Protein backbone atom coordinates (compact mmCIF):
# COMPACT_ATOMS: atom_id res chain seq x y z
CA UNK A 1 0.00 0.00 0.00
CA UNK A 2 1.40 3.42 -0.95
CA UNK A 3 1.24 6.20 1.62
CA UNK A 4 0.52 9.87 1.09
CA UNK A 5 3.88 10.68 2.62
CA UNK A 6 7.43 11.23 1.48
CA UNK A 7 10.59 10.61 3.46
CA UNK A 8 13.44 12.92 4.34
CA UNK A 9 16.62 11.04 5.17
CA UNK A 10 18.75 13.43 7.23
CA UNK A 11 22.50 12.93 7.54
CA UNK A 12 24.85 15.21 9.46
CA UNK A 13 27.71 17.00 7.73
CA UNK A 14 31.15 18.01 8.98
CA UNK A 15 29.79 21.13 10.67
CA UNK A 16 27.48 19.01 12.83
CA UNK A 17 30.42 16.73 13.60
CA UNK A 18 32.51 19.72 14.74
CA UNK A 19 29.74 20.69 17.19
CA UNK A 20 29.43 17.12 18.43
CA UNK A 21 33.15 16.78 19.07
CA UNK A 22 33.12 20.09 20.97
CA UNK A 23 30.69 18.54 23.48
CA UNK A 24 32.91 15.68 24.50
CA UNK A 25 36.48 14.55 24.30
CA UNK A 26 35.33 11.41 22.52
CA UNK A 27 36.32 11.34 18.87
CA UNK A 28 33.74 10.52 16.25
CA UNK A 29 34.03 10.22 12.51
CA UNK A 30 31.45 11.55 10.11
CA UNK A 31 30.92 8.00 8.88
CA UNK A 32 30.04 6.85 12.43
CA UNK A 33 27.65 9.73 13.05
CA UNK A 34 25.93 9.46 9.66
CA UNK A 35 25.76 5.67 9.50
CA UNK A 36 22.29 5.43 11.07
CA UNK A 37 20.56 8.38 9.42
CA UNK A 38 17.14 9.42 10.67
CA UNK A 39 14.18 9.19 8.30
CA UNK A 40 11.24 11.57 8.72
CA UNK A 41 7.81 11.07 7.20
CA UNK A 42 6.59 14.36 5.73
CA UNK A 43 3.57 15.35 3.66
CA UNK A 44 3.80 14.11 0.10
CA UNK A 45 6.41 15.87 -2.05
CA UNK A 46 5.57 15.39 -5.71
CA UNK A 47 8.93 16.46 -7.12
CA UNK A 48 12.39 17.51 -6.01
CA UNK A 49 11.48 21.13 -6.86
CA UNK A 50 9.25 21.10 -3.77
CA UNK A 51 12.04 19.86 -1.51
CA UNK A 52 13.22 23.33 -0.47
CA UNK A 53 9.68 24.32 0.52
CA UNK A 54 9.18 21.20 2.62
CA UNK A 55 12.58 21.59 4.28
CA UNK A 56 11.61 25.17 5.14
CA UNK A 57 8.45 23.80 6.78
CA UNK A 58 10.25 21.32 9.03
CA UNK A 59 13.89 22.39 9.49
CA UNK A 60 13.47 23.68 13.06
CA UNK A 61 11.82 20.51 14.32
CA UNK A 62 14.37 18.29 12.58
CA UNK A 63 17.31 20.42 13.77
CA UNK A 64 16.19 20.21 17.40
CA UNK A 65 15.52 16.49 17.10
CA UNK A 66 19.02 15.90 15.73
CA UNK A 67 20.66 17.99 18.45
CA UNK A 68 18.65 16.31 21.19
CA UNK A 69 19.77 12.91 19.94
CA UNK A 70 23.29 13.81 21.04
CA UNK A 71 22.73 16.30 23.88
CA UNK A 72 19.64 16.85 25.99
CA UNK A 73 21.30 19.95 27.48
CA UNK A 74 19.83 22.71 25.33
CA UNK A 75 22.46 25.17 26.58
CA UNK A 76 25.00 23.28 24.44
CA UNK A 77 22.93 23.71 21.28
CA UNK A 78 24.02 26.35 18.79
CA UNK A 79 22.02 29.55 18.99
CA UNK A 80 20.60 31.20 17.09
CA UNK A 81 19.79 28.51 14.57
CA UNK A 82 18.65 29.28 11.04
CA UNK A 83 17.59 27.53 7.88
CA UNK A 84 20.94 28.31 6.27
CA UNK A 85 22.75 26.78 9.27
CA UNK A 86 20.52 23.70 9.03
CA UNK A 87 21.43 23.36 5.35
CA UNK A 88 25.15 23.51 6.21
CA UNK A 89 24.84 21.05 9.10
CA UNK A 90 22.65 18.43 7.40
CA UNK A 91 22.21 16.75 4.06
CA UNK A 92 18.54 16.04 3.31
CA UNK A 93 17.66 13.38 0.77
CA UNK A 94 14.12 13.11 -0.52
CA UNK A 95 12.45 9.77 -1.08
CA UNK A 96 9.10 10.65 -2.63
CA UNK A 97 7.54 7.20 -2.76
CA UNK A 98 6.69 5.39 0.46
CA UNK A 99 5.34 1.85 0.25
CA UNK A 100 4.05 0.15 3.40
CA UNK A 101 4.73 -3.60 3.23
CA UNK A 102 3.65 -4.37 6.80
CA UNK A 103 0.30 -5.98 7.56
CA UNK A 104 0.07 -4.03 10.81
CA UNK A 105 -1.61 -0.68 11.30
CA UNK A 106 0.66 2.34 11.58
CA UNK A 107 0.92 3.41 15.22
CA UNK A 108 2.40 6.49 16.82
CA UNK A 109 4.97 6.27 19.61
CA UNK A 110 7.45 8.55 21.31
PDB file of N, CA and C in Angstrom:
ATOM      1  N   UNK A   1       0.846  -1.170   0.000  1.00  0.00           N
ATOM      2  CA  UNK A   1       0.000   0.000   0.000  1.00  0.00           C
ATOM      3  C   UNK A   1       0.897   1.241   0.000  1.00  0.00           C
ATOM      4  N   UNK A   2       0.672   2.155  -0.925  1.00  0.00           N
ATOM      5  CA  UNK A   2       1.403   3.417  -0.955  1.00  0.00           C
ATOM      6  C   UNK A   2       0.830   4.377   0.084  1.00  0.00           C
ATOM      7  N   UNK A   3       1.667   5.211   0.623  1.00  0.00           N
ATOM      8  CA  UNK A   3       1.243   6.197   1.620  1.00  0.00           C
ATOM      9  C   UNK A   3       1.316   7.592   1.031  1.00  0.00           C
ATOM     10  N   UNK A   4       0.482   8.475   1.536  1.00  0.00           N
ATOM     11  CA  UNK A   4       0.520   9.872   1.090  1.00  0.00           C
ATOM     12  C   UNK A   4       1.567  10.642   1.895  1.00  0.00           C
ATOM     13  N   UNK A   5       2.744  10.094   1.921  1.00  0.00           N
ATOM     14  CA  UNK A   5       3.876  10.684   2.621  1.00  0.00           C
ATOM     15  C   UNK A   5       5.111  10.547   1.746  1.00  0.00           C
ATOM     16  N   UNK A   6       6.080  11.375   2.027  1.00  0.00           N
ATOM     17  CA  UNK A   6       7.426  11.231   1.482  1.00  0.00           C
ATOM     18  C   UNK A   6       8.358  11.077   2.676  1.00  0.00           C
ATOM     19  N   UNK A   7       9.609  10.791   2.389  1.00  0.00           N
ATOM     20  CA  UNK A   7      10.592  10.608   3.463  1.00  0.00           C
ATOM     21  C   UNK A   7      11.766  11.546   3.227  1.00  0.00           C
ATOM     22  N   UNK A   8      12.168  12.208   4.306  1.00  0.00           N
ATOM     23  CA  UNK A   8      13.438  12.919   4.340  1.00  0.00           C
ATOM     24  C   UNK A   8      14.418  12.026   5.089  1.00  0.00           C
ATOM     25  N   UNK A   9      15.529  11.712   4.483  1.00  0.00           N
ATOM     26  CA  UNK A   9      16.619  11.045   5.171  1.00  0.00           C
ATOM     27  C   UNK A   9      17.632  12.136   5.483  1.00  0.00           C
ATOM     28  N   UNK A  10      17.914  12.315   6.773  1.00  0.00           N
ATOM     29  CA  UNK A  10      18.747  13.431   7.229  1.00  0.00           C
ATOM     30  C   UNK A  10      20.068  12.889   7.764  1.00  0.00           C
ATOM     31  N   UNK A  11      21.153  13.345   7.126  1.00  0.00           N
ATOM     32  CA  UNK A  11      22.496  12.934   7.540  1.00  0.00           C
ATOM     33  C   UNK A  11      23.303  14.166   7.935  1.00  0.00           C
ATOM     34  N   UNK A  12      24.021  14.078   9.048  1.00  0.00           N
ATOM     35  CA  UNK A  12      24.845  15.211   9.463  1.00  0.00           C
ATOM     36  C   UNK A  12      26.042  15.407   8.537  1.00  0.00           C
ATOM     37  N   UNK A  13      26.521  16.654   8.502  1.00  0.00           N
ATOM     38  CA  UNK A  13      27.712  17.000   7.730  1.00  0.00           C
ATOM     39  C   UNK A  13      28.860  17.272   8.704  1.00  0.00           C
ATOM     40  N   UNK A  14      29.976  17.707   8.160  1.00  0.00           N
ATOM     41  CA  UNK A  14      31.151  18.010   8.981  1.00  0.00           C
ATOM     42  C   UNK A  14      30.908  19.099  10.008  1.00  0.00           C
ATOM     43  N   UNK A  15      30.053  20.065   9.702  1.00  0.00           N
ATOM     44  CA  UNK A  15      29.785  21.133  10.675  1.00  0.00           C
ATOM     45  C   UNK A  15      29.054  20.589  11.904  1.00  0.00           C
ATOM     46  N   UNK A  16      28.133  19.655  11.699  1.00  0.00           N
ATOM     47  CA  UNK A  16      27.480  19.010  12.831  1.00  0.00           C
ATOM     48  C   UNK A  16      28.516  18.234  13.638  1.00  0.00           C
ATOM     49  N   UNK A  17      29.386  17.519  12.933  1.00  0.00           N
ATOM     50  CA  UNK A  17      30.425  16.735  13.602  1.00  0.00           C
ATOM     51  C   UNK A  17      31.317  17.626  14.454  1.00  0.00           C
ATOM     52  N   UNK A  18      31.689  18.798  13.953  1.00  0.00           N
ATOM     53  CA  UNK A  18      32.508  19.725  14.739  1.00  0.00           C
ATOM     54  C   UNK A  18      31.818  20.091  16.039  1.00  0.00           C
ATOM     55  N   UNK A  19      30.508  20.378  15.970  1.00  0.00           N
ATOM     56  CA  UNK A  19      29.744  20.692  17.191  1.00  0.00           C
ATOM     57  C   UNK A  19      29.743  19.503  18.137  1.00  0.00           C
ATOM     58  N   UNK A  20      29.498  18.326  17.603  1.00  0.00           N
ATOM     59  CA  UNK A  20      29.430  17.121  18.432  1.00  0.00           C
ATOM     60  C   UNK A  20      30.747  16.871  19.158  1.00  0.00           C
ATOM     61  N   UNK A  21      31.837  17.002  18.455  1.00  0.00           N
ATOM     62  CA  UNK A  21      33.149  16.782  19.065  1.00  0.00           C
ATOM     63  C   UNK A  21      33.419  17.822  20.141  1.00  0.00           C
ATOM     64  N   UNK A  22      32.905  19.046  19.958  1.00  0.00           N
ATOM     65  CA  UNK A  22      33.118  20.094  20.965  1.00  0.00           C
ATOM     66  C   UNK A  22      32.413  19.785  22.286  1.00  0.00           C
ATOM     67  N   UNK A  23      31.430  18.898  22.264  1.00  0.00           N
ATOM     68  CA  UNK A  23      30.688  18.544  23.478  1.00  0.00           C
ATOM     69  C   UNK A  23      31.455  17.595  24.383  1.00  0.00           C
ATOM     70  N   UNK A  24      32.305  16.793  23.780  1.00  0.00           N
ATOM     71  CA  UNK A  24      32.909  15.683  24.504  1.00  0.00           C
ATOM     72  C   UNK A  24      34.316  15.467  23.958  1.00  0.00           C
ATOM     73  N   UNK A  25      35.132  14.856  24.762  1.00  0.00           N
ATOM     74  CA  UNK A  25      36.479  14.553  24.304  1.00  0.00           C
ATOM     75  C   UNK A  25      36.503  13.308  23.420  1.00  0.00           C
ATOM     76  N   UNK A  26      35.388  12.599  23.362  1.00  0.00           N
ATOM     77  CA  UNK A  26      35.331  11.405  22.524  1.00  0.00           C
ATOM     78  C   UNK A  26      35.395  11.800  21.052  1.00  0.00           C
ATOM     79  N   UNK A  27      36.166  11.058  20.297  1.00  0.00           N
ATOM     80  CA  UNK A  27      36.317  11.335  18.872  1.00  0.00           C
ATOM     81  C   UNK A  27      35.301  10.516  18.084  1.00  0.00           C
ATOM     82  N   UNK A  28      34.659  11.169  17.172  1.00  0.00           N
ATOM     83  CA  UNK A  28      33.736  10.519  16.253  1.00  0.00           C
ATOM     84  C   UNK A  28      34.215  10.802  14.835  1.00  0.00           C
ATOM     85  N   UNK A  29      33.815   9.935  13.922  1.00  0.00           N
ATOM     86  CA  UNK A  29      34.027  10.224  12.514  1.00  0.00           C
ATOM     87  C   UNK A  29      32.669  10.544  11.902  1.00  0.00           C
ATOM     88  N   UNK A  30      32.694  11.234  10.801  1.00  0.00           N
ATOM     89  CA  UNK A  30      31.449  11.549  10.114  1.00  0.00           C
ATOM     90  C   UNK A  30      30.746  10.262   9.687  1.00  0.00           C
ATOM     91  N   UNK A  31      31.514   9.291   9.283  1.00  0.00           N
ATOM     92  CA  UNK A  31      30.922   8.002   8.882  1.00  0.00           C
ATOM     93  C   UNK A  31      30.170   7.366  10.042  1.00  0.00           C
ATOM     94  N   UNK A  32      30.724   7.418  11.256  1.00  0.00           N
ATOM     95  CA  UNK A  32      30.042   6.853  12.426  1.00  0.00           C
ATOM     96  C   UNK A  32      28.743   7.597  12.715  1.00  0.00           C
ATOM     97  N   UNK A  33      28.801   8.911  12.682  1.00  0.00           N
ATOM     98  CA  UNK A  33      27.649   9.728  13.045  1.00  0.00           C
ATOM     99  C   UNK A  33      26.539   9.616  12.003  1.00  0.00           C
ATOM    100  N   UNK A  34      26.918   9.486  10.746  1.00  0.00           N
ATOM    101  CA  UNK A  34      25.926   9.462   9.665  1.00  0.00           C
ATOM    102  C   UNK A  34      25.458   8.055   9.301  1.00  0.00           C
ATOM    103  N   UNK A  35      26.052   7.041   9.915  1.00  0.00           N
ATOM    104  CA  UNK A  35      25.755   5.670   9.497  1.00  0.00           C
ATOM    105  C   UNK A  35      24.306   5.256   9.745  1.00  0.00           C
ATOM    106  N   UNK A  36      23.688   5.775  10.767  1.00  0.00           N
ATOM    107  CA  UNK A  36      22.294   5.427  11.069  1.00  0.00           C
ATOM    108  C   UNK A  36      21.449   6.688  10.923  1.00  0.00           C
ATOM    109  N   UNK A  37      21.280   7.139   9.696  1.00  0.00           N
ATOM    110  CA  UNK A  37      20.555   8.377   9.420  1.00  0.00           C
ATOM    111  C   UNK A  37      19.104   8.258   9.863  1.00  0.00           C
ATOM    112  N   UNK A  38      18.535   9.376  10.250  1.00  0.00           N
ATOM    113  CA  UNK A  38      17.145   9.422  10.668  1.00  0.00           C
ATOM    114  C   UNK A  38      16.266   9.693   9.454  1.00  0.00           C
ATOM    115  N   UNK A  39      15.151   8.984   9.376  1.00  0.00           N
ATOM    116  CA  UNK A  39      14.178   9.188   8.303  1.00  0.00           C
ATOM    117  C   UNK A  39      12.927   9.816   8.913  1.00  0.00           C
ATOM    118  N   UNK A  40      12.431  10.848   8.261  1.00  0.00           N
ATOM    119  CA  UNK A  40      11.245  11.568   8.715  1.00  0.00           C
ATOM    120  C   UNK A  40      10.148  11.455   7.671  1.00  0.00           C
ATOM    121  N   UNK A  41       8.961  11.037   8.086  1.00  0.00           N
ATOM    122  CA  UNK A  41       7.811  11.071   7.202  1.00  0.00           C
ATOM    123  C   UNK A  41       7.305  12.506   7.137  1.00  0.00           C
ATOM    124  N   UNK A  42       7.085  12.990   5.938  1.00  0.00           N
ATOM    125  CA  UNK A  42       6.594  14.356   5.729  1.00  0.00           C
ATOM    126  C   UNK A  42       5.429  14.287   4.744  1.00  0.00           C
ATOM    127  N   UNK A  43       4.628  15.348   4.670  1.00  0.00           N
ATOM    128  CA  UNK A  43       3.569  15.351   3.656  1.00  0.00           C
ATOM    129  C   UNK A  43       4.162  15.100   2.270  1.00  0.00           C
ATOM    130  N   UNK A  44       3.367  14.517   1.425  1.00  0.00           N
ATOM    131  CA  UNK A  44       3.804  14.110   0.100  1.00  0.00           C
ATOM    132  C   UNK A  44       4.490  15.250  -0.652  1.00  0.00           C
ATOM    133  N   UNK A  45       5.663  14.940  -1.198  1.00  0.00           N
ATOM    134  CA  UNK A  45       6.408  15.869  -2.046  1.00  0.00           C
ATOM    135  C   UNK A  45       6.394  15.263  -3.437  1.00  0.00           C
ATOM    136  N   UNK A  46       5.742  15.945  -4.364  1.00  0.00           N
ATOM    137  CA  UNK A  46       5.572  15.391  -5.708  1.00  0.00           C
ATOM    138  C   UNK A  46       6.852  15.399  -6.540  1.00  0.00           C
ATOM    139  N   UNK A  47       7.711  16.386  -6.317  1.00  0.00           N
ATOM    140  CA  UNK A  47       8.928  16.463  -7.121  1.00  0.00           C
ATOM    141  C   UNK A  47      10.027  17.135  -6.306  1.00  0.00           C
ATOM    142  N   UNK A  48      11.249  16.960  -6.756  1.00  0.00           N
ATOM    143  CA  UNK A  48      12.388  17.513  -6.012  1.00  0.00           C
ATOM    144  C   UNK A  48      12.350  19.040  -5.971  1.00  0.00           C
ATOM    145  N   UNK A  49      11.609  19.667  -6.887  1.00  0.00           N
ATOM    146  CA  UNK A  49      11.478  21.130  -6.859  1.00  0.00           C
ATOM    147  C   UNK A  49      10.779  21.605  -5.587  1.00  0.00           C
ATOM    148  N   UNK A  50       9.967  20.752  -4.995  1.00  0.00           N
ATOM    149  CA  UNK A  50       9.245  21.103  -3.773  1.00  0.00           C
ATOM    150  C   UNK A  50      10.068  20.848  -2.511  1.00  0.00           C
ATOM    151  N   UNK A  51      11.229  20.225  -2.671  1.00  0.00           N
ATOM    152  CA  UNK A  51      12.044  19.858  -1.515  1.00  0.00           C
ATOM    153  C   UNK A  51      12.387  21.067  -0.656  1.00  0.00           C
ATOM    154  N   UNK A  52      12.831  22.142  -1.242  1.00  0.00           N
ATOM    155  CA  UNK A  52      13.224  23.328  -0.471  1.00  0.00           C
ATOM    156  C   UNK A  52      12.048  23.861   0.350  1.00  0.00           C
ATOM    157  N   UNK A  53      10.850  23.849  -0.225  1.00  0.00           N
ATOM    158  CA  UNK A  53       9.677  24.324   0.518  1.00  0.00           C
ATOM    159  C   UNK A  53       9.374  23.432   1.706  1.00  0.00           C
ATOM    160  N   UNK A  54       9.457  22.128   1.513  1.00  0.00           N
ATOM    161  CA  UNK A  54       9.182  21.201   2.616  1.00  0.00           C
ATOM    162  C   UNK A  54      10.260  21.293   3.695  1.00  0.00           C
ATOM    163  N   UNK A  55      11.511  21.424   3.292  1.00  0.00           N
ATOM    164  CA  UNK A  55      12.584  21.592   4.280  1.00  0.00           C
ATOM    165  C   UNK A  55      12.327  22.855   5.087  1.00  0.00           C
ATOM    166  N   UNK A  56      11.911  23.920   4.431  1.00  0.00           N
ATOM    167  CA  UNK A  56      11.606  25.171   5.140  1.00  0.00           C
ATOM    168  C   UNK A  56      10.481  24.980   6.140  1.00  0.00           C
ATOM    169  N   UNK A  57       9.552  24.069   5.858  1.00  0.00           N
ATOM    170  CA  UNK A  57       8.447  23.800   6.784  1.00  0.00           C
ATOM    171  C   UNK A  57       8.890  23.072   8.046  1.00  0.00           C
ATOM    172  N   UNK A  58       9.918  22.240   7.941  1.00  0.00           N
ATOM    173  CA  UNK A  58      10.247  21.317   9.033  1.00  0.00           C
ATOM    174  C   UNK A  58      11.658  21.439   9.595  1.00  0.00           C
ATOM    175  N   UNK A  59      12.484  22.364   9.090  1.00  0.00           N
ATOM    176  CA  UNK A  59      13.888  22.391   9.493  1.00  0.00           C
ATOM    177  C   UNK A  59      14.077  22.572  10.989  1.00  0.00           C
ATOM    178  N   UNK A  60      13.275  23.431  11.623  1.00  0.00           N
ATOM    179  CA  UNK A  60      13.470  23.680  13.060  1.00  0.00           C
ATOM    180  C   UNK A  60      13.234  22.423  13.886  1.00  0.00           C
ATOM    181  N   UNK A  61      12.148  21.730  13.595  1.00  0.00           N
ATOM    182  CA  UNK A  61      11.821  20.508  14.321  1.00  0.00           C
ATOM    183  C   UNK A  61      12.891  19.439  14.105  1.00  0.00           C
ATOM    184  N   UNK A  62      13.341  19.289  12.871  1.00  0.00           N
ATOM    185  CA  UNK A  62      14.374  18.293  12.578  1.00  0.00           C
ATOM    186  C   UNK A  62      15.693  18.674  13.235  1.00  0.00           C
ATOM    187  N   UNK A  63      16.059  19.953  13.168  1.00  0.00           N
ATOM    188  CA  UNK A  63      17.308  20.421  13.770  1.00  0.00           C
ATOM    189  C   UNK A  63      17.321  20.094  15.263  1.00  0.00           C
ATOM    190  N   UNK A  64      16.257  20.466  15.961  1.00  0.00           N
ATOM    191  CA  UNK A  64      16.188  20.210  17.405  1.00  0.00           C
ATOM    192  C   UNK A  64      16.202  18.724  17.707  1.00  0.00           C
ATOM    193  N   UNK A  65      15.523  17.935  16.911  1.00  0.00           N
ATOM    194  CA  UNK A  65      15.520  16.489  17.100  1.00  0.00           C
ATOM    195  C   UNK A  65      16.928  15.924  16.959  1.00  0.00           C
ATOM    196  N   UNK A  66      17.654  16.379  15.949  1.00  0.00           N
ATOM    197  CA  UNK A  66      19.017  15.898  15.727  1.00  0.00           C
ATOM    198  C   UNK A  66      19.950  16.306  16.867  1.00  0.00           C
ATOM    199  N   UNK A  67      19.823  17.533  17.333  1.00  0.00           N
ATOM    200  CA  UNK A  67      20.656  17.994  18.452  1.00  0.00           C
ATOM    201  C   UNK A  67      20.348  17.203  19.717  1.00  0.00           C
ATOM    202  N   UNK A  68      19.068  17.014  19.975  1.00  0.00           N
ATOM    203  CA  UNK A  68      18.650  16.310  21.195  1.00  0.00           C
ATOM    204  C   UNK A  68      19.104  14.852  21.204  1.00  0.00           C
ATOM    205  N   UNK A  69      19.266  14.279  20.016  1.00  0.00           N
ATOM    206  CA  UNK A  69      19.766  12.908  19.937  1.00  0.00           C
ATOM    207  C   UNK A  69      21.145  12.776  20.575  1.00  0.00           C
ATOM    208  N   UNK A  70      21.923  13.859  20.540  1.00  0.00           N
ATOM    209  CA  UNK A  70      23.294  13.815  21.037  1.00  0.00           C
ATOM    210  C   UNK A  70      23.486  14.576  22.338  1.00  0.00           C
ATOM    211  N   UNK A  71      22.617  15.550  22.626  1.00  0.00           N
ATOM    212  CA  UNK A  71      22.730  16.301  23.876  1.00  0.00           C
ATOM    213  C   UNK A  71      21.351  16.798  24.303  1.00  0.00           C
ATOM    214  N   UNK A  72      20.923  16.379  25.469  1.00  0.00           N
ATOM    215  CA  UNK A  72      19.641  16.854  25.992  1.00  0.00           C
ATOM    216  C   UNK A  72      19.801  18.199  26.697  1.00  0.00           C
ATOM    217  N   UNK A  73      21.028  18.651  26.865  1.00  0.00           N
ATOM    218  CA  UNK A  73      21.305  19.948  27.484  1.00  0.00           C
ATOM    219  C   UNK A  73      21.216  21.040  26.417  1.00  0.00           C
ATOM    220  N   UNK A  74      20.070  21.712  26.368  1.00  0.00           N
ATOM    221  CA  UNK A  74      19.830  22.711  25.328  1.00  0.00           C
ATOM    222  C   UNK A  74      20.808  23.884  25.377  1.00  0.00           C
ATOM    223  N   UNK A  75      21.486  24.075  26.505  1.00  0.00           N
ATOM    224  CA  UNK A  75      22.461  25.169  26.582  1.00  0.00           C
ATOM    225  C   UNK A  75      23.684  24.877  25.705  1.00  0.00           C
ATOM    226  N   UNK A  76      23.876  23.631  25.312  1.00  0.00           N
ATOM    227  CA  UNK A  76      25.004  23.283  24.439  1.00  0.00           C
ATOM    228  C   UNK A  76      24.643  23.420  22.963  1.00  0.00           C
ATOM    229  N   UNK A  77      23.378  23.619  22.671  1.00  0.00           N
ATOM    230  CA  UNK A  77      22.929  23.713  21.281  1.00  0.00           C
ATOM    231  C   UNK A  77      23.355  25.055  20.689  1.00  0.00           C
ATOM    232  N   UNK A  78      23.670  25.074  19.423  1.00  0.00           N
ATOM    233  CA  UNK A  78      24.023  26.353  18.790  1.00  0.00           C
ATOM    234  C   UNK A  78      22.810  27.288  18.788  1.00  0.00           C
ATOM    235  N   UNK A  79      23.094  28.554  18.986  1.00  0.00           N
ATOM    236  CA  UNK A  79      22.019  29.545  18.994  1.00  0.00           C
ATOM    237  C   UNK A  79      22.587  30.869  18.519  1.00  0.00           C
ATOM    238  N   UNK A  80      21.891  31.570  17.694  1.00  0.00           N
ATOM    239  CA  UNK A  80      20.605  31.203  17.094  1.00  0.00           C
ATOM    240  C   UNK A  80      20.819  30.210  15.958  1.00  0.00           C
ATOM    241  N   UNK A  81      19.770  29.447  15.687  1.00  0.00           N
ATOM    242  CA  UNK A  81      19.788  28.512  14.566  1.00  0.00           C
ATOM    243  C   UNK A  81      18.978  29.115  13.419  1.00  0.00           C
ATOM    244  N   UNK A  82      19.342  28.743  12.210  1.00  0.00           N
ATOM    245  CA  UNK A  82      18.653  29.284  11.037  1.00  0.00           C
ATOM    246  C   UNK A  82      18.546  28.193   9.981  1.00  0.00           C
ATOM    247  N   UNK A  83      17.728  28.463   8.993  1.00  0.00           N
ATOM    248  CA  UNK A  83      17.590  27.529   7.879  1.00  0.00           C
ATOM    249  C   UNK A  83      18.924  27.351   7.163  1.00  0.00           C
ATOM    250  N   UNK A  84      19.656  28.442   6.963  1.00  0.00           N
ATOM    251  CA  UNK A  84      20.944  28.308   6.269  1.00  0.00           C
ATOM    252  C   UNK A  84      21.934  27.474   7.092  1.00  0.00           C
ATOM    253  N   UNK A  85      21.902  27.607   8.419  1.00  0.00           N
ATOM    254  CA  UNK A  85      22.747  26.779   9.275  1.00  0.00           C
ATOM    255  C   UNK A  85      22.331  25.311   9.150  1.00  0.00           C
ATOM    256  N   UNK A  86      21.026  25.064   9.180  1.00  0.00           N
ATOM    257  CA  UNK A  86      20.523  23.699   9.028  1.00  0.00           C
ATOM    258  C   UNK A  86      21.041  23.094   7.724  1.00  0.00           C
ATOM    259  N   UNK A  87      21.000  23.859   6.656  1.00  0.00           N
ATOM    260  CA  UNK A  87      21.431  23.358   5.352  1.00  0.00           C
ATOM    261  C   UNK A  87      22.931  23.081   5.306  1.00  0.00           C
ATOM    262  N   UNK A  88      23.711  23.785   6.126  1.00  0.00           N
ATOM    263  CA  UNK A  88      25.153  23.511   6.207  1.00  0.00           C
ATOM    264  C   UNK A  88      25.434  22.302   7.097  1.00  0.00           C
ATOM    265  N   UNK A  89      24.608  22.099   8.117  1.00  0.00           N
ATOM    266  CA  UNK A  89      24.841  21.048   9.099  1.00  0.00           C
ATOM    267  C   UNK A  89      24.280  19.694   8.690  1.00  0.00           C
ATOM    268  N   UNK A  90      23.314  19.684   7.751  1.00  0.00           N
ATOM    269  CA  UNK A  90      22.647  18.433   7.397  1.00  0.00           C
ATOM    270  C   UNK A  90      22.436  18.315   5.896  1.00  0.00           C
ATOM    271  N   UNK A  91      22.536  17.089   5.439  1.00  0.00           N
ATOM    272  CA  UNK A  91      22.208  16.753   4.063  1.00  0.00           C
ATOM    273  C   UNK A  91      20.841  16.069   4.100  1.00  0.00           C
ATOM    274  N   UNK A  92      19.888  16.598   3.343  1.00  0.00           N
ATOM    275  CA  UNK A  92      18.538  16.037   3.312  1.00  0.00           C
ATOM    276  C   UNK A  92      18.311  15.392   1.957  1.00  0.00           C
ATOM    277  N   UNK A  93      18.001  14.106   1.994  1.00  0.00           N
ATOM    278  CA  UNK A  93      17.664  13.382   0.770  1.00  0.00           C
ATOM    279  C   UNK A  93      16.172  13.125   0.768  1.00  0.00           C
ATOM    280  N   UNK A  94      15.551  13.337  -0.368  1.00  0.00           N
ATOM    281  CA  UNK A  94      14.120  13.111  -0.519  1.00  0.00           C
ATOM    282  C   UNK A  94      13.872  11.742  -1.125  1.00  0.00           C
ATOM    283  N   UNK A  95      12.969  11.016  -0.517  1.00  0.00           N
ATOM    284  CA  UNK A  95      12.447   9.771  -1.076  1.00  0.00           C
ATOM    285  C   UNK A  95      10.943   9.980  -1.198  1.00  0.00           C
ATOM    286  N   UNK A  96      10.482  10.210  -2.418  1.00  0.00           N
ATOM    287  CA  UNK A  96       9.101  10.649  -2.632  1.00  0.00           C
ATOM    288  C   UNK A  96       8.076   9.528  -2.562  1.00  0.00           C
ATOM    289  N   UNK A  97       8.490   8.304  -2.777  1.00  0.00           N
ATOM    290  CA  UNK A  97       7.542   7.197  -2.765  1.00  0.00           C
ATOM    291  C   UNK A  97       7.735   6.364  -1.505  1.00  0.00           C
ATOM    292  N   UNK A  98       6.655   6.195  -0.759  1.00  0.00           N
ATOM    293  CA  UNK A  98       6.687   5.388   0.459  1.00  0.00           C
ATOM    294  C   UNK A  98       5.693   4.247   0.283  1.00  0.00           C
ATOM    295  N   UNK A  99       6.175   3.036   0.374  1.00  0.00           N
ATOM    296  CA  UNK A  99       5.335   1.846   0.251  1.00  0.00           C
ATOM    297  C   UNK A  99       5.352   1.118   1.588  1.00  0.00           C
ATOM    298  N   UNK A 100       4.190   0.851   2.128  1.00  0.00           N
ATOM    299  CA  UNK A 100       4.050   0.151   3.400  1.00  0.00           C
ATOM    300  C   UNK A 100       3.845  -1.332   3.119  1.00  0.00           C
ATOM    301  N   UNK A 101       4.812  -2.166   3.467  1.00  0.00           N
ATOM    302  CA  UNK A 101       4.732  -3.600   3.232  1.00  0.00           C
ATOM    303  C   UNK A 101       4.250  -4.373   4.454  1.00  0.00           C
ATOM    304  N   UNK A 102       4.080  -3.708   5.575  1.00  0.00           N
ATOM    305  CA  UNK A 102       3.654  -4.374   6.795  1.00  0.00           C
ATOM    306  C   UNK A 102       2.149  -4.596   6.783  1.00  0.00           C
ATOM    307  N   UNK A 103       1.721  -5.685   7.416  1.00  0.00           N
ATOM    308  CA  UNK A 103       0.303  -5.981   7.557  1.00  0.00           C
ATOM    309  C   UNK A 103      -0.277  -5.396   8.837  1.00  0.00           C
ATOM    310  N   UNK A 104       0.504  -4.618   9.534  1.00  0.00           N
ATOM    311  CA  UNK A 104       0.065  -4.031  10.806  1.00  0.00           C
ATOM    312  C   UNK A 104      -0.326  -2.592  10.609  1.00  0.00           C
ATOM    313  N   UNK A 105      -1.261  -2.090  11.407  1.00  0.00           N
ATOM    314  CA  UNK A 105      -1.611  -0.675  11.297  1.00  0.00           C
ATOM    315  C   UNK A 105      -0.438   0.199  11.733  1.00  0.00           C
ATOM    316  N   UNK A 106      -0.360   1.388  11.169  1.00  0.00           N
ATOM    317  CA  UNK A 106       0.660   2.341  11.579  1.00  0.00           C
ATOM    318  C   UNK A 106       0.254   2.913  12.927  1.00  0.00           C
ATOM    319  N   UNK A 107       1.187   2.907  13.868  1.00  0.00           N
ATOM    320  CA  UNK A 107       0.917   3.411  15.222  1.00  0.00           C
ATOM    321  C   UNK A 107       1.916   4.467  15.567  1.00  0.00           C
ATOM    322  N   UNK A 108       1.498   5.446  16.344  1.00  0.00           N
ATOM    323  CA  UNK A 108       2.397   6.487  16.824  1.00  0.00           C
ATOM    324  C   UNK A 108       3.030   6.064  18.133  1.00  0.00           C
ATOM    325  N   UNK A 109       4.272   6.498  18.345  1.00  0.00           N
ATOM    326  CA  UNK A 109       4.968   6.274  19.610  1.00  0.00           C
ATOM    327  C   UNK A 109       5.978   7.383  19.799  1.00  0.00           C
ATOM    328  N   UNK A 110       6.428   7.539  21.022  1.00  0.00           N
ATOM    329  CA  UNK A 110       7.453   8.552  21.312  1.00  0.00           C
ATOM    330  C   UNK A 110       8.688   7.901  21.815  1.00  0.00           C
TER     331      UNK A 110
END
